[in-house]
Protein backbone atom coordinates (compact mmCIF):
# COMPACT_ATOMS: atom_id res chain seq x y z
CA UNK A 1 65.52 37.51 208.31
CA UNK A 2 63.95 34.83 206.52
CA UNK A 3 63.31 34.85 202.81
CA UNK A 4 59.60 36.61 203.01
CA UNK A 5 61.52 39.76 204.46
CA UNK A 6 59.83 41.71 201.58
CA UNK A 7 56.31 41.10 203.12
CA UNK A 8 57.26 42.27 206.51
CA UNK A 9 56.82 45.83 207.81
CA UNK A 10 60.05 47.82 207.60
CA UNK A 11 59.50 49.25 211.17
CA UNK A 12 57.99 46.39 213.32
CA UNK A 13 59.09 43.39 211.15
CA UNK A 14 55.69 41.65 211.43
CA UNK A 15 54.32 39.94 208.32
CA UNK A 16 51.21 41.44 207.13
CA UNK A 17 49.10 41.11 204.07
CA UNK A 18 47.74 44.76 204.42
CA UNK A 19 51.02 46.63 203.87
CA UNK A 20 51.61 50.09 202.45
CA UNK A 21 54.50 51.16 199.95
CA UNK A 22 56.79 53.18 202.28
CA UNK A 23 57.38 55.69 199.39
CA UNK A 24 53.79 56.48 199.06
CA UNK A 25 52.78 59.92 199.32
CA UNK A 26 50.44 61.25 202.07
CA UNK A 27 49.46 64.75 201.03
CA UNK A 28 52.61 66.28 199.61
CA UNK A 29 54.95 64.19 201.88
CA UNK A 30 56.28 60.50 201.49
CA UNK A 31 55.78 58.09 204.37
CA UNK A 32 59.89 57.53 204.17
CA UNK A 33 60.14 61.11 204.69
CA UNK A 34 58.03 61.51 207.57
CA UNK A 35 60.09 58.49 209.26
CA UNK A 36 63.48 59.77 208.53
CA UNK A 37 62.40 63.42 209.82
CA UNK A 38 61.34 61.72 213.26
CA UNK A 39 64.28 58.98 213.62
CA UNK A 40 67.69 58.38 212.81
CA UNK A 41 66.70 55.74 210.25
CA UNK A 42 67.75 56.18 206.47
CA UNK A 43 65.53 54.99 203.72
CA UNK A 44 66.46 54.78 200.39
CA UNK A 45 64.98 53.07 197.27
CA UNK A 46 66.31 49.67 196.41
CA UNK A 47 68.56 49.31 199.58
CA UNK A 48 67.72 45.77 199.93
CA UNK A 49 65.56 46.24 202.70
CA UNK A 50 61.67 46.04 203.15
CA UNK A 51 59.84 48.90 201.42
CA UNK A 52 56.57 48.64 203.08
CA UNK A 53 54.78 49.36 206.40
CA UNK A 54 51.91 48.02 208.30
CA UNK A 55 48.75 50.33 209.18
CA UNK A 56 49.82 49.90 212.90
CA UNK A 57 53.12 51.53 212.41
CA UNK A 58 51.43 54.37 210.07
CA UNK A 59 49.18 54.96 213.03
CA UNK A 60 52.08 55.27 215.53
CA UNK A 61 53.89 57.34 213.21
CA UNK A 62 50.79 59.81 213.08
CA UNK A 63 50.76 59.70 216.89
CA UNK A 64 54.55 60.70 217.05
CA UNK A 65 53.87 63.56 214.67
CA UNK A 66 51.18 64.84 216.58
CA UNK A 67 53.06 64.60 219.80
CA UNK A 68 56.05 66.56 218.43
CA UNK A 69 53.51 69.20 217.11
CA UNK A 70 51.82 69.38 220.66
CA UNK A 71 55.34 69.76 222.22
CA UNK A 72 56.38 72.47 219.80
CA UNK A 73 53.09 74.37 220.24
CA UNK A 74 53.21 74.19 224.27
CA UNK A 75 56.87 75.43 224.05
CA UNK A 76 55.93 78.27 221.85
CA UNK A 77 53.08 79.24 223.83
CA UNK A 78 55.31 79.32 227.31
CA UNK A 79 58.02 81.55 225.70
CA UNK A 80 55.59 83.70 224.57
CA UNK A 81 53.89 83.82 228.00
CA UNK A 82 57.41 84.59 229.54
CA UNK A 83 58.38 87.09 226.58
CA UNK A 84 55.02 89.20 227.34
CA UNK A 85 54.33 88.74 231.15
CA UNK A 86 56.42 91.88 232.07
CA UNK A 87 54.74 93.94 229.47
CA UNK A 88 51.07 93.26 230.24
CA UNK A 89 50.05 92.86 234.02
CA UNK A 90 46.59 91.89 233.14
CA UNK A 91 44.28 89.02 232.48
CA UNK A 92 45.46 86.08 230.42
CA UNK A 93 43.24 83.78 228.80
CA UNK A 94 44.47 80.62 226.77
CA UNK A 95 42.16 79.51 224.16
CA UNK A 96 42.45 76.82 221.51
CA UNK A 97 42.84 78.50 218.09
CA UNK A 98 39.62 77.40 216.70
CA UNK A 99 38.00 78.70 219.72
CA UNK A 100 39.13 82.55 219.80
CA UNK A 101 36.05 84.83 220.44
CA UNK A 102 35.17 87.89 222.22
CA UNK A 103 35.31 87.30 225.67
CA UNK A 104 33.83 89.16 228.89
CA UNK A 105 36.26 90.81 231.33
CA UNK A 106 37.10 88.39 234.32
CA UNK A 107 39.62 86.34 235.82
CA UNK A 108 40.58 83.09 234.00
CA UNK A 109 42.56 80.16 235.14
CA UNK A 110 45.96 80.35 233.50
CA UNK A 111 45.87 76.65 232.18
CA UNK A 112 42.08 75.72 232.08
CA UNK A 113 41.99 75.04 228.37
CA UNK A 114 45.03 73.13 228.03
CA UNK A 115 43.95 69.60 227.41
CA UNK A 116 45.68 66.26 226.57
CA UNK A 117 44.53 66.85 222.64
CA UNK A 118 47.31 66.95 220.24
CA UNK A 119 48.13 69.62 217.47
CA UNK A 120 46.52 72.42 219.78
CA UNK A 121 47.55 75.89 218.74
CA UNK A 122 47.65 78.36 221.62
CA UNK A 123 47.02 82.12 221.86
CA UNK A 124 47.72 84.82 224.39
CA UNK A 125 44.69 87.14 224.58
CA UNK A 126 45.72 90.34 226.31
CA UNK A 127 43.10 92.70 228.02
CA UNK A 128 44.21 96.03 229.23
CA UNK A 129 42.38 98.03 231.79
CA UNK A 130 43.47 101.36 230.85
CA UNK A 131 42.21 101.36 227.30
CA UNK A 132 38.62 101.18 225.54
CA UNK A 133 40.08 99.26 222.73
CA UNK A 134 38.76 95.66 221.93
CA UNK A 135 40.84 92.89 223.12
CA UNK A 136 43.92 92.51 221.12
CA UNK A 137 44.98 88.92 220.04
CA UNK A 138 48.77 88.47 219.84
CA UNK A 139 49.95 85.26 217.80
CA UNK A 140 53.17 83.81 218.70
CA UNK A 141 54.47 81.97 215.68
CA UNK A 142 57.79 80.36 214.92
CA UNK A 143 58.79 80.88 210.99
CA UNK A 144 57.63 77.86 209.21
CA UNK A 145 60.34 75.41 208.61
CA UNK A 146 60.78 73.78 205.06
CA UNK A 147 59.60 70.49 204.93
CA UNK A 148 62.24 68.19 203.56
CA UNK A 149 61.90 66.32 200.46
CA UNK A 150 63.10 62.84 199.36
CA UNK A 151 63.97 61.97 195.63
CA UNK A 152 61.85 58.65 195.21
CA UNK A 153 64.37 57.79 192.28
CA UNK A 154 67.71 57.79 194.41
CA UNK A 155 66.46 58.43 197.75
CA UNK A 156 68.56 61.64 198.09
CA UNK A 157 66.86 64.05 200.88
CA UNK A 158 66.39 67.76 199.67
CA UNK A 159 65.91 70.88 201.93
CA UNK A 160 62.94 72.32 199.96
CA UNK A 161 60.34 71.67 197.00
CA UNK A 162 62.35 73.57 194.90
CA UNK A 163 65.63 71.82 195.44
CA UNK A 164 64.06 68.63 194.88
CA UNK A 165 62.33 70.00 191.51
CA UNK A 166 65.94 70.94 190.37
CA UNK A 167 67.21 67.50 191.42
CA UNK A 168 64.80 65.72 189.51
CA UNK A 169 66.21 67.03 186.22
CA UNK A 170 69.29 64.69 186.96
CA UNK A 171 66.92 62.03 186.20
CA UNK A 172 64.51 63.15 183.73
CA UNK A 173 67.17 64.76 181.64
CA UNK A 174 65.23 68.05 181.52
CA UNK A 175 67.50 71.09 180.37
CA UNK A 176 65.15 74.13 179.83
CA UNK A 177 67.72 76.55 179.64
CA UNK A 178 69.55 76.78 176.34
CA UNK A 179 72.66 79.17 175.19
CA UNK A 180 71.67 81.59 172.55
CA UNK A 181 75.09 81.29 170.79
CA UNK A 182 75.69 77.49 170.58
CA UNK A 183 72.59 75.86 171.60
CA UNK A 184 74.08 74.02 174.53
CA UNK A 185 71.37 73.27 177.23
CA UNK A 186 71.37 73.16 180.93
CA UNK A 187 69.02 72.38 183.67
CA UNK A 188 69.61 75.20 185.69
CA UNK A 189 69.88 78.98 184.80
CA UNK A 190 73.07 79.63 186.89
CA UNK A 191 74.99 76.78 185.07
CA UNK A 192 73.84 78.74 181.68
CA UNK A 193 75.10 82.24 183.13
CA UNK A 194 78.24 80.62 183.91
CA UNK A 195 78.46 78.92 180.42
CA UNK A 196 77.89 82.35 178.70
CA UNK A 197 81.13 83.50 179.95
CA UNK A 198 82.64 81.30 177.42
CA UNK A 199 81.26 83.26 174.59
CA UNK A 200 81.65 86.93 176.02
CA UNK A 201 85.08 86.26 177.63
CA UNK A 202 83.70 87.59 180.99
CA UNK A 203 85.98 86.72 183.78
CA UNK A 204 84.51 88.04 187.18
CA UNK A 205 86.66 86.25 189.40
CA UNK A 206 90.27 87.77 190.50
CA UNK A 207 92.97 85.96 191.96
CA UNK A 208 94.04 88.23 194.98
CA UNK A 209 97.79 87.26 194.72
CA UNK A 210 98.77 87.85 191.01
CA UNK A 211 95.41 89.42 189.53
CA UNK A 212 94.68 86.77 187.19
CA UNK A 213 91.09 86.67 186.09
CA UNK A 214 88.74 83.67 185.70
CA UNK A 215 85.37 82.67 184.38
CA UNK A 216 84.66 80.00 186.94
CA UNK A 217 85.24 79.50 190.57
CA UNK A 218 86.52 76.19 190.18
CA UNK A 219 89.34 77.56 187.86
CA UNK A 220 90.28 80.18 190.36
CA UNK A 221 90.52 77.47 193.51
CA UNK A 222 92.76 75.29 191.22
CA UNK A 223 94.80 78.30 190.33
CA UNK A 224 95.35 79.60 193.93
CA UNK A 225 96.81 76.18 194.72
CA UNK A 226 99.66 77.19 192.25
CA UNK A 227 100.48 80.04 194.69
CA UNK A 228 99.98 78.04 197.98
CA UNK A 229 101.81 74.80 196.58
CA UNK A 230 98.67 72.86 197.69
CA UNK A 231 98.66 69.57 195.86
CA UNK A 232 95.52 67.65 197.94
CA UNK A 233 94.98 64.84 195.44
CA UNK A 234 97.69 61.88 195.59
CA UNK A 235 98.19 59.06 192.97
CA UNK A 236 97.90 55.93 194.76
CA UNK A 237 100.15 54.28 191.88
CA UNK A 238 102.95 56.63 192.08
CA UNK A 239 104.17 59.45 194.17
CA UNK A 240 102.76 62.18 192.12
CA UNK A 241 100.24 64.72 193.56
CA UNK A 242 97.90 67.08 191.92
CA UNK A 243 95.90 70.20 192.20
CA UNK A 244 92.71 68.95 191.02
CA UNK A 245 90.47 65.73 190.82
CA UNK A 246 90.40 66.01 187.31
CA UNK A 247 94.35 65.93 186.81
CA UNK A 248 94.56 62.80 189.14
CA UNK A 249 91.87 60.76 187.40
CA UNK A 250 93.44 61.79 184.13
CA UNK A 251 96.85 60.63 185.37
CA UNK A 252 95.63 57.26 186.77
CA UNK A 253 94.37 56.43 183.52
CA UNK A 254 97.65 56.99 182.05
CA UNK A 255 98.79 54.36 184.34
CA UNK A 256 95.87 51.90 183.60
CA UNK A 257 95.76 52.71 179.77
CA UNK A 258 92.31 52.81 180.41
CA UNK A 259 90.53 54.54 177.04
CA UNK A 260 86.70 54.25 177.84
CA UNK A 261 85.52 56.54 175.24
CA UNK A 262 85.66 55.15 171.55
CA UNK A 263 84.79 57.35 168.40
CA UNK A 264 81.97 55.55 166.35
CA UNK A 265 83.33 56.77 163.10
CA UNK A 266 86.99 55.44 163.18
CA UNK A 267 87.08 53.40 166.49
CA UNK A 268 89.96 55.59 167.94
CA UNK A 269 89.66 55.67 171.77
CA UNK A 270 90.37 58.41 174.28
CA UNK A 271 90.86 58.75 178.14
CA UNK A 272 88.43 61.35 178.75
CA UNK A 273 84.86 62.23 177.14
CA UNK A 274 85.79 65.61 176.40
CA UNK A 275 88.71 64.37 174.31
CA UNK A 276 86.20 62.20 172.36
CA UNK A 277 84.09 65.04 171.78
CA UNK A 278 86.71 67.31 170.50
CA UNK A 279 87.84 64.44 168.14
CA UNK A 280 84.18 64.11 166.80
CA UNK A 281 84.19 67.44 165.62
CA UNK A 282 87.32 66.57 163.10
CA UNK A 283 84.75 64.28 161.45
CA UNK A 284 81.77 66.70 161.59
CA UNK A 285 83.53 70.01 160.97
CA UNK A 286 81.32 71.15 163.52
CA UNK A 287 82.40 74.59 165.17
CA UNK A 288 80.21 74.97 168.25
CA UNK A 289 81.83 77.87 169.84
CA UNK A 290 80.83 81.17 168.74
CA UNK A 291 82.39 84.52 169.58
CA UNK A 292 79.60 86.87 170.73
CA UNK A 293 81.65 89.91 169.61
CA UNK A 294 82.62 89.09 165.95
CA UNK A 295 80.69 85.92 165.21
CA UNK A 296 83.94 83.84 164.48
CA UNK A 297 83.52 80.22 165.27
CA UNK A 298 85.71 77.81 166.61
CA UNK A 299 85.97 73.89 167.24
CA UNK A 300 87.51 74.30 170.70
CA UNK A 301 86.41 76.39 173.59
CA UNK A 302 90.02 77.21 174.23
CA UNK A 303 90.43 78.73 170.88
CA UNK A 304 87.43 80.87 171.51
CA UNK A 305 88.82 81.93 174.57
CA UNK A 306 92.22 82.74 172.95
CA UNK A 307 90.53 84.66 170.34
CA UNK A 308 88.60 86.79 172.44
CA UNK A 309 91.72 87.43 174.80
CA UNK A 310 93.84 88.25 171.89
CA UNK A 311 91.54 89.98 169.26
CA UNK A 312 89.17 91.87 171.46
CA UNK A 313 90.91 92.33 174.76
CA UNK A 314 94.42 93.40 173.19
CA UNK A 315 95.97 90.72 175.48
CA UNK A 316 99.63 89.87 174.72
CA UNK A 317 100.99 87.66 177.32
CA UNK A 318 104.12 86.66 175.74
CA UNK A 319 107.37 89.12 175.85
CA UNK A 320 110.55 88.66 174.67
CA UNK A 321 113.15 89.44 177.06
CA UNK A 322 115.87 90.46 174.42
CA UNK A 323 113.72 93.24 172.61
CA UNK A 324 110.64 93.63 174.81
CA UNK A 325 108.48 92.79 171.81
CA UNK A 326 105.11 91.38 172.87
CA UNK A 327 103.01 88.61 171.30
CA UNK A 328 99.36 87.39 171.64
CA UNK A 329 99.91 84.05 170.60
CA UNK A 330 102.68 81.56 171.73
CA UNK A 331 103.66 80.29 168.12
CA UNK A 332 104.24 83.97 166.93
CA UNK A 333 106.28 84.16 170.13
CA UNK A 334 108.04 81.24 169.33
CA UNK A 335 108.92 82.04 165.76
CA UNK A 336 110.21 85.40 166.92
CA UNK A 337 112.56 83.88 169.41
CA UNK A 338 114.19 81.97 166.78
CA UNK A 339 115.08 85.11 164.69
CA UNK A 340 117.25 85.94 167.91
CA UNK A 341 118.76 82.62 168.00
CA UNK A 342 120.22 82.78 164.26
CA UNK A 343 123.65 83.53 164.02
CA UNK A 344 124.54 87.24 162.81
CA UNK A 345 125.97 86.82 159.50
CA UNK A 346 127.20 90.18 159.28
């Protein structure tokens, strides 16, 4: 295509001075969304292709859309007719949706009002001979399908307006849901709900093999791979395999020596953003993780979880195999084992 490709119609490739932006909204739907709903063409912003359409193609798009509606309306009518014909052996009149009125009894040709016009809504008007009730109008309508929506920023197609609204928060940075304990904000209420388990210690997910409890589904899935031995993520630089993508990414950065996250205070660099965030707390002294039971504060979420597990739930996972004494913390357990290792001087 020549150098003036951006002044051409995306659909017919004709050069035209009167072009319309393909991401322009008509009513509540963008032109690009209408095109993708009728074709197998994928249209996303900044894809290097023309982003305009000519008026002739817009008219053709409208004709196609009307034709689809006509086909669906006719199919709906015919299926409704087949469904009801055995129940009512009476006169059947087909009317345009806008023309439905009380009609006198009489024979009516089955297809007299079907025209070549588009977007006609059909109704079946049933007239019974054995009742004095007025004519009964039965409307056969399929449940309305949700209109797909396209993000004008990244081109992603969402299944509904609600999902598009939630998706847009990725681009706007909007996070309306704040944690009452630590102030951390989230774009979705469900994400806040899951985060609150960090403070409450709630673990509603159970491993069916060993009974271990988890706060998040991702943690449960990774844990279950311990039982199955599944290691679906291989390292391309060595023969090791990993249970999670996160473990693989961390491992690869060990190979490459990549430390992309640098501390502004001391210039120390870290492999992951999480490690950097934990390090920054050593400068600020901040303890953002709060126990909602006793109010104790911690710099690390893992320390908070350990605190809740040991202090409030009474969990003592470390057992001495010599004297069966149990411990809440690994450091206490290790200290106890050293007592057994000391030689008896008596």
